[in-house]
């Protein structure tokens, strides 16, 4: 049975991604182009969202993999993953990402040539940030592709052995108490506590061990939860409101700890608060989604198809628009409104073109 709630969550989280990237223009964190005035207070709501938005997408992707493998062979699944992830990545790196790098070089690198000259002579020279070749926000695609290929043998094994001890033991946990959903934070906490300090997130794949291991585990969890069947959804329904309270408390503790002086003890406690926080909010999101969003509609059908092209093009649109705003003295809300509205409008326009042309459907990952 199709889970419309997962489709809705995927659409809403990717929609939130557009707002998040607009926010990156204003927050005092490193990004491709920055407003002439940044806002310290904006970092806390963005930090809160940042903790669970990517994890939610990898969890959904793992869940979707279980549904996909229910009616595909191993070879069919692998070919589909390559087609829907690798082709858009290559196209994106050749066509979608270079305008972002060009705008950044124009704004801060002193480059004053035309875009055509940049694309032909400089766009693919060296690896970003020293060079210009990059996948920028499309980093999600190579990570997801690698996770899919690496875990496929294990996924096939779990698919073909639905009553394996590994799954039976987990069903017993969750039948005994929905609170056992918090057992799954143990590997996540170990990664957060011991890998995060050593390997800061870069999204460059090479050496990005903290992000790789964390999201690989979460991607596997997604497949695993669907393999557990109804017992998972029942447990999730029972715990969702308790998880909401736990998440609010954990985030408050995490913010407090972040404002304290650094120490080994503070780090390990903050890592625990962070892990409990983002796991709790994912339980809330997926638990409430299962109850309130598991229904189809014409809007969902449209958005579910449009979300992938939106994801591919949106940041390039935002960065180009930001270039014409970053030195102006317009109010924060005016700039925020312009970037948000026009990013959605232009992404929608591009999607309407893409969906009508067979070649563009292919390179934008559409069926």
Protein backbone atom coordinates (compact mmCIF):
# COMPACT_ATOMS: atom_id res chain seq x y z
CA UNK A 1 0.00 0.00 0.00
CA UNK A 2 1.34 3.41 -0.93
CA UNK A 3 2.18 5.67 2.00
CA UNK A 4 0.91 9.08 0.96
CA UNK A 5 2.18 10.51 4.25
CA UNK A 6 5.75 9.81 3.15
CA UNK A 7 5.09 11.61 -0.12
CA UNK A 8 3.72 14.61 1.77
CA UNK A 9 6.65 14.70 4.20
CA UNK A 10 9.10 14.50 1.30
CA UNK A 11 7.36 17.39 -0.47
CA UNK A 12 7.17 19.52 2.68
CA UNK A 13 10.79 18.90 3.70
CA UNK A 14 12.05 19.79 0.21
CA UNK A 15 9.84 22.89 0.29
CA UNK A 16 11.43 23.77 3.62
CA UNK A 17 14.82 23.33 1.94
CA UNK A 18 14.06 26.29 -0.32
CA UNK A 19 13.29 28.46 2.71
CA UNK A 20 16.42 27.16 4.42
CA UNK A 21 18.65 28.11 1.50
CA UNK A 22 17.06 31.55 1.34
CA UNK A 23 17.87 31.84 5.05
CA UNK A 24 21.50 30.94 4.34
CA UNK A 25 21.77 34.26 2.52
CA UNK A 26 21.13 36.07 5.81
CA UNK A 27 22.58 33.89 8.56
CA UNK A 28 26.23 34.44 9.63
CA UNK A 29 27.37 31.05 8.29
CA UNK A 30 29.56 30.45 5.28
CA UNK A 31 27.57 30.25 2.04
CA UNK A 32 28.05 31.05 -1.65
CA UNK A 33 26.81 34.62 -1.43
CA UNK A 34 25.91 36.64 1.66
CA UNK A 35 23.71 39.62 2.33
CA UNK A 36 25.45 42.87 3.26
CA UNK A 37 23.92 42.45 6.74
CA UNK A 38 23.62 39.13 8.58
CA UNK A 39 21.37 38.30 11.53
CA UNK A 40 22.69 36.36 14.54
CA UNK A 41 19.23 35.48 15.86
CA UNK A 42 18.36 33.63 12.67
CA UNK A 43 20.90 30.88 13.36
CA UNK A 44 18.88 29.19 16.11
CA UNK A 45 15.69 28.39 14.17
CA UNK A 46 17.85 27.37 11.21
CA UNK A 47 20.02 25.22 13.43
CA UNK A 48 16.89 23.55 14.82
CA UNK A 49 15.59 22.74 11.33
CA UNK A 50 19.03 21.65 10.14
CA UNK A 51 19.22 18.89 12.74
CA UNK A 52 16.33 16.83 11.35
CA UNK A 53 15.61 17.97 7.77
CA UNK A 54 18.41 15.99 6.06
CA UNK A 55 17.97 13.02 8.36
CA UNK A 56 14.27 12.96 7.44
CA UNK A 57 15.09 12.86 3.73
CA UNK A 58 17.49 9.94 4.13
CA UNK A 59 14.94 8.12 6.29
CA UNK A 60 12.26 8.62 3.61
CA UNK A 61 14.70 7.46 0.94
CA UNK A 62 15.36 4.26 2.88
CA UNK A 63 11.64 3.70 3.32
CA UNK A 64 11.07 4.27 -0.39
CA UNK A 65 13.78 1.73 -1.17
CA UNK A 66 11.83 -0.97 0.67
CA UNK A 67 8.75 -0.21 -1.42
CA UNK A 68 10.81 -0.11 -4.62
CA UNK A 69 12.45 -3.47 -3.97
CA UNK A 70 9.07 -5.08 -3.30
CA UNK A 71 8.40 -5.14 -7.03
CA UNK A 72 11.88 -4.95 -8.59
CA UNK A 73 14.79 -7.30 -8.94
CA UNK A 74 18.23 -6.28 -7.72
CA UNK A 75 19.34 -5.42 -11.26
CA UNK A 76 16.21 -3.38 -12.00
CA UNK A 77 16.61 -1.42 -8.77
CA UNK A 78 20.30 -0.66 -9.38
CA UNK A 79 19.65 0.47 -12.96
CA UNK A 80 16.84 2.74 -11.80
CA UNK A 81 18.99 4.28 -9.05
CA UNK A 82 21.80 5.03 -11.51
CA UNK A 83 19.37 6.50 -14.00
CA UNK A 84 17.49 8.66 -11.50
CA UNK A 85 20.48 9.80 -9.43
CA UNK A 86 23.64 9.71 -11.54
CA UNK A 87 22.21 11.31 -14.70
CA UNK A 88 20.72 14.33 -12.83
CA UNK A 89 24.01 14.68 -10.91
CA UNK A 90 26.09 14.82 -14.11
CA UNK A 91 23.64 17.18 -15.78
CA UNK A 92 23.54 19.34 -12.66
CA UNK A 93 27.32 19.62 -12.43
CA UNK A 94 27.55 20.58 -16.10
CA UNK A 95 24.55 22.92 -16.38
CA UNK A 96 22.88 23.78 -13.07
CA UNK A 97 25.81 24.36 -10.69
CA UNK A 98 28.22 26.49 -12.82
CA UNK A 99 25.98 29.63 -12.62
CA UNK A 100 26.24 29.47 -8.82
CA UNK A 101 30.04 29.32 -8.94
CA UNK A 102 30.11 32.09 -11.54
CA UNK A 103 28.00 34.38 -9.34
CA UNK A 104 30.25 33.69 -6.35
CA UNK A 105 33.36 34.47 -8.38
CA UNK A 106 31.75 37.65 -9.70
CA UNK A 107 30.81 38.76 -6.18
CA UNK A 108 33.99 37.89 -4.30
CA UNK A 109 36.64 36.64 -6.71
CA UNK A 110 37.02 39.62 -8.96
CA UNK A 111 35.97 37.70 -12.07
CA UNK A 112 34.51 40.07 -14.66
CA UNK A 113 34.22 37.93 -17.79
CA UNK A 114 31.02 36.70 -19.41
CA UNK A 115 29.30 33.53 -18.26
CA UNK A 116 29.92 31.88 -21.64
CA UNK A 117 33.63 32.54 -21.28
CA UNK A 118 33.56 31.24 -17.71
CA UNK A 119 31.76 28.02 -18.70
CA UNK A 120 34.09 27.22 -21.58
CA UNK A 121 37.38 28.11 -19.90
CA UNK A 122 37.02 28.05 -16.10
CA UNK A 123 33.89 26.25 -14.90
CA UNK A 124 35.50 22.80 -14.74
CA UNK A 125 39.04 23.73 -13.75
CA UNK A 126 39.98 22.42 -10.32
CA UNK A 127 37.79 21.24 -7.45
CA UNK A 128 35.72 23.77 -5.52
CA UNK A 129 36.39 25.82 -3.39
CA UNK A 130 39.91 26.30 -4.77
CA UNK A 131 38.68 25.46 -8.26
CA UNK A 132 35.24 25.70 -9.82
CA UNK A 133 33.98 22.14 -10.35
CA UNK A 134 31.38 21.26 -7.71
CA UNK A 135 28.08 19.55 -7.00
CA UNK A 136 27.07 22.15 -4.36
CA UNK A 137 23.56 21.38 -3.07
CA UNK A 138 23.31 18.25 -5.25
CA UNK A 139 25.63 16.42 -2.84
CA UNK A 140 22.57 14.47 -1.64
CA UNK A 141 22.51 12.56 -4.96
CA UNK A 142 25.98 10.90 -4.88
CA UNK A 143 25.57 10.06 -1.19
CA UNK A 144 22.18 8.47 -1.80
CA UNK A 145 23.46 6.59 -4.84
CA UNK A 146 26.42 5.14 -2.94
CA UNK A 147 24.24 4.19 0.03
CA UNK A 148 21.79 2.47 -2.29
CA UNK A 149 24.47 0.46 -4.08
CA UNK A 150 26.37 -0.49 -0.92
CA UNK A 151 23.31 -1.62 1.03
CA UNK A 152 21.42 -3.36 -1.79
CA UNK A 153 22.72 -6.88 -0.92
CA UNK A 154 21.63 -6.43 2.71
CA UNK A 155 18.27 -5.02 1.61
CA UNK A 156 17.67 -8.01 -0.67
CA UNK A 157 18.51 -10.35 2.21
CA UNK A 158 16.03 -8.64 4.55
CA UNK A 159 13.38 -8.52 1.83
CA UNK A 160 13.65 -12.25 1.21
CA UNK A 161 13.72 -13.19 4.92
CA UNK A 162 10.85 -11.27 6.48
CA UNK A 163 10.90 -13.45 9.59
CA UNK A 164 14.63 -13.26 10.19
CA UNK A 165 15.71 -13.06 13.87
CA UNK A 166 16.95 -9.52 13.23
CA UNK A 167 13.43 -8.33 12.37
CA UNK A 168 11.60 -10.59 14.84
CA UNK A 169 13.60 -9.23 17.78
CA UNK A 170 12.80 -5.64 16.80
CA UNK A 171 9.10 -6.42 16.49
CA UNK A 172 9.17 -7.84 20.02
CA UNK A 173 10.81 -4.65 21.27
CA UNK A 174 8.19 -2.43 19.74
CA UNK A 175 5.28 -4.66 20.75
CA UNK A 176 6.57 -4.56 24.31
CA UNK A 177 6.87 -0.76 24.40
CA UNK A 178 6.92 2.07 21.82
CA UNK A 179 9.62 3.70 23.96
CA UNK A 180 11.99 1.14 22.46
CA UNK A 181 12.07 3.35 19.36
CA UNK A 182 14.64 5.32 21.35
CA UNK A 183 16.98 2.31 21.27
CA UNK A 184 17.83 3.31 17.72
CA UNK A 185 19.63 6.44 18.88
CA UNK A 186 22.52 4.42 20.35
CA UNK A 187 24.51 4.05 17.08
CA UNK A 188 23.59 7.64 16.15
CA UNK A 189 24.91 8.94 19.47
CA UNK A 190 28.20 7.03 19.08
CA UNK A 191 28.68 8.58 15.64
CA UNK A 192 27.74 12.05 16.91
CA UNK A 193 30.00 11.86 19.96
CA UNK A 194 33.10 10.31 18.40
CA UNK A 195 33.12 11.09 14.67
CA UNK A 196 31.63 14.58 14.49
CA UNK A 197 34.59 16.30 16.27
CA UNK A 198 37.09 14.56 13.96
CA UNK A 199 35.31 14.94 10.62
CA UNK A 200 33.41 18.21 10.18
CA UNK A 201 30.66 18.00 7.55
CA UNK A 202 31.90 19.01 4.09
CA UNK A 203 29.50 17.19 1.70
CA UNK A 204 32.60 16.56 -0.43
CA UNK A 205 32.29 12.75 0.01
CA UNK A 206 36.04 12.25 0.36
CA UNK A 207 36.86 12.35 4.07
CA UNK A 208 33.30 13.28 5.06
CA UNK A 209 33.09 10.30 7.40
CA UNK A 210 30.75 11.71 10.01
CA UNK A 211 28.05 12.60 7.49
CA UNK A 212 28.56 9.37 5.53
CA UNK A 213 28.20 7.07 8.53
CA UNK A 214 25.35 9.04 10.13
CA UNK A 215 23.21 9.23 7.01
CA UNK A 216 24.03 5.65 6.00
CA UNK A 217 22.64 4.43 9.32
CA UNK A 218 19.52 6.57 8.96
CA UNK A 219 19.00 5.39 5.37
CA UNK A 220 19.20 1.81 6.59
CA UNK A 221 16.76 2.59 9.41
CA UNK A 222 14.23 3.75 6.83
CA UNK A 223 14.33 0.42 5.00
CA UNK A 224 14.32 -1.47 8.28
CA UNK A 225 11.24 0.30 9.67
CA UNK A 226 9.15 -0.50 6.60
CA UNK A 227 10.38 -4.11 6.76
CA UNK A 228 9.05 -4.31 10.33
CA UNK A 229 5.53 -3.73 9.05
CA UNK A 230 2.56 -2.42 11.03
CA UNK A 231 4.28 -2.89 14.37
CA UNK A 232 6.48 0.11 13.59
CA UNK A 233 3.56 2.38 12.68
CA UNK A 234 1.63 1.38 15.80
CA UNK A 235 4.60 2.17 18.02
CA UNK A 236 5.16 5.46 16.23
CA UNK A 237 1.53 6.47 16.71
CA UNK A 238 1.71 5.76 20.44
CA UNK A 239 4.91 7.68 21.06
CA UNK A 240 4.51 10.76 18.85
CA UNK A 241 3.23 13.16 21.53
CA UNK A 242 5.72 11.97 24.14
CA UNK A 243 8.45 12.47 21.54
CA UNK A 244 7.25 16.05 21.03
CA UNK A 245 7.81 16.86 24.72
CA UNK A 246 11.15 15.03 24.76
CA UNK A 247 12.25 16.89 21.63
CA UNK A 248 11.43 20.32 23.07
CA UNK A 249 13.29 19.56 26.30
CA UNK A 250 16.28 18.08 24.44
CA UNK A 251 16.58 21.08 22.13
CA UNK A 252 16.46 23.48 25.08
CA UNK A 253 19.23 21.51 26.77
CA UNK A 254 21.26 21.45 23.58
CA UNK A 255 21.04 25.22 23.10
CA UNK A 256 22.03 25.76 26.73
CA UNK A 257 25.04 23.45 26.38
CA UNK A 258 26.12 25.15 23.16
CA UNK A 259 26.35 28.44 25.06
CA UNK A 260 28.68 26.95 27.70
CA UNK A 261 32.46 26.74 27.58
CA UNK A 262 33.83 23.85 25.56
CA UNK A 263 34.94 20.79 27.49
CA UNK A 264 34.99 17.04 26.97
CA UNK A 265 32.09 16.55 29.37
CA UNK A 266 30.02 19.27 27.72
CA UNK A 267 30.68 17.77 24.30
CA UNK A 268 29.42 14.30 25.21
CA UNK A 269 26.33 15.63 26.98
CA UNK A 270 25.58 18.04 24.11
CA UNK A 271 25.99 15.19 21.62
CA UNK A 272 23.41 13.17 23.57
CA UNK A 273 20.99 16.11 23.72
CA UNK A 274 21.43 16.73 19.99
CA UNK A 275 20.85 13.08 19.10
CA UNK A 276 17.75 12.77 21.30
CA UNK A 277 16.48 16.06 19.88
CA UNK A 278 16.70 15.24 16.18
CA UNK A 279 15.46 11.67 16.67
CA UNK A 280 12.48 12.89 18.69
CA UNK A 281 11.48 15.41 16.05
CA UNK A 282 11.67 12.74 13.35
CA UNK A 283 9.37 10.54 15.44
CA UNK A 284 6.99 13.50 15.75
CA UNK A 285 7.08 14.30 12.02
CA UNK A 286 6.57 10.74 10.83
CA UNK A 287 4.11 9.89 13.61
CA UNK A 288 1.89 12.88 12.92
CA UNK A 289 2.31 12.43 9.19
CA UNK A 290 1.01 8.85 9.41
CA UNK A 291 -2.15 10.08 11.17
CA UNK A 292 -2.88 13.35 9.40
CA UNK A 293 -1.21 13.18 5.97
CA UNK A 294 -1.82 9.67 4.71
CA UNK A 295 -4.25 10.72 2.01
CA UNK A 296 -3.93 11.39 -1.70
CA UNK A 297 -4.91 14.53 -3.59
CA UNK A 298 -4.35 16.16 -6.97
CA UNK A 299 -2.02 18.65 -5.28
CA UNK A 300 0.12 15.84 -3.87
CA UNK A 301 0.30 14.13 -7.26
CA UNK A 302 1.57 17.36 -8.84
CA UNK A 303 3.99 18.23 -6.05
CA UNK A 304 5.38 14.72 -5.73
CA UNK A 305 6.49 14.83 -9.37
CA UNK A 306 7.66 18.45 -9.26
CA UNK A 307 9.73 18.17 -6.08
CA UNK A 308 12.81 16.59 -7.72
CA UNK A 309 13.20 19.25 -10.47
CA UNK A 310 12.50 21.92 -7.82
CA UNK A 311 15.32 20.52 -5.69
CA UNK A 312 17.74 20.48 -8.62
CA UNK A 313 17.20 24.07 -9.81
CA UNK A 314 16.09 26.03 -6.75
CA UNK A 315 19.46 26.98 -5.24
CA UNK A 316 20.84 28.23 -8.55
CA UNK A 317 17.82 30.52 -8.87
CA UNK A 318 18.23 31.73 -5.28
CA UNK A 319 21.94 32.48 -5.72
CA UNK A 320 21.42 34.38 -8.98
CA UNK A 321 18.62 36.46 -7.44
CA UNK A 322 20.72 37.07 -4.34
CA UNK A 323 23.51 38.52 -6.49
CA UNK A 324 21.23 41.39 -7.48
CA UNK A 325 20.19 41.98 -3.84
CA UNK A 326 23.26 41.40 -1.69
CA UNK A 327 24.57 44.98 -1.83
CA UNK A 328 21.20 46.75 -1.70
CA UNK A 329 19.79 48.42 1.40
CA UNK A 330 16.37 46.79 1.20
CA UNK A 331 14.71 45.58 4.40
CA UNK A 332 15.26 41.95 5.50
CA UNK A 333 11.65 40.96 4.92
CA UNK A 334 11.61 42.53 1.47
CA UNK A 335 14.71 40.61 0.41
CA UNK A 336 13.45 37.42 2.04
CA UNK A 337 10.11 37.77 0.28
CA UNK A 338 11.68 38.46 -3.12
CA UNK A 339 14.02 35.47 -2.88
CA UNK A 340 11.34 33.09 -1.61
CA UNK A 341 8.53 34.03 -3.98
CA UNK A 342 10.67 34.26 -7.09
CA UNK A 343 12.57 31.05 -6.32
CA UNK A 344 9.27 29.17 -6.12
CA UNK A 345 7.83 30.89 -9.19
CA UNK A 346 10.87 30.36 -11.42
CA UNK A 347 11.34 26.78 -10.21
CA UNK A 348 7.71 26.13 -11.09
CA UNK A 349 8.17 27.67 -14.53
CA UNK A 350 11.23 25.54 -15.21
CA UNK A 351 9.38 22.43 -14.06
CA UNK A 352 6.52 23.15 -16.47
CA UNK A 353 9.07 23.21 -19.29
CA UNK A 354 10.92 20.11 -18.07
CA UNK A 355 7.84 17.92 -17.73
CA UNK A 356 6.95 18.48 -21.40
CA UNK A 357 10.33 17.57 -22.95
CA UNK A 358 11.45 13.95 -22.90
CA UNK A 359 15.21 14.64 -22.72
CA UNK A 360 14.79 17.10 -19.85
CA UNK A 361 12.60 14.63 -17.97
CA UNK A 362 15.45 12.15 -18.22
CA UNK A 363 18.19 14.45 -16.92
CA UNK A 364 15.92 15.80 -14.17
CA UNK A 365 15.27 12.30 -12.87
CA UNK A 366 11.60 12.04 -13.87
CA UNK A 367 10.03 8.85 -15.15
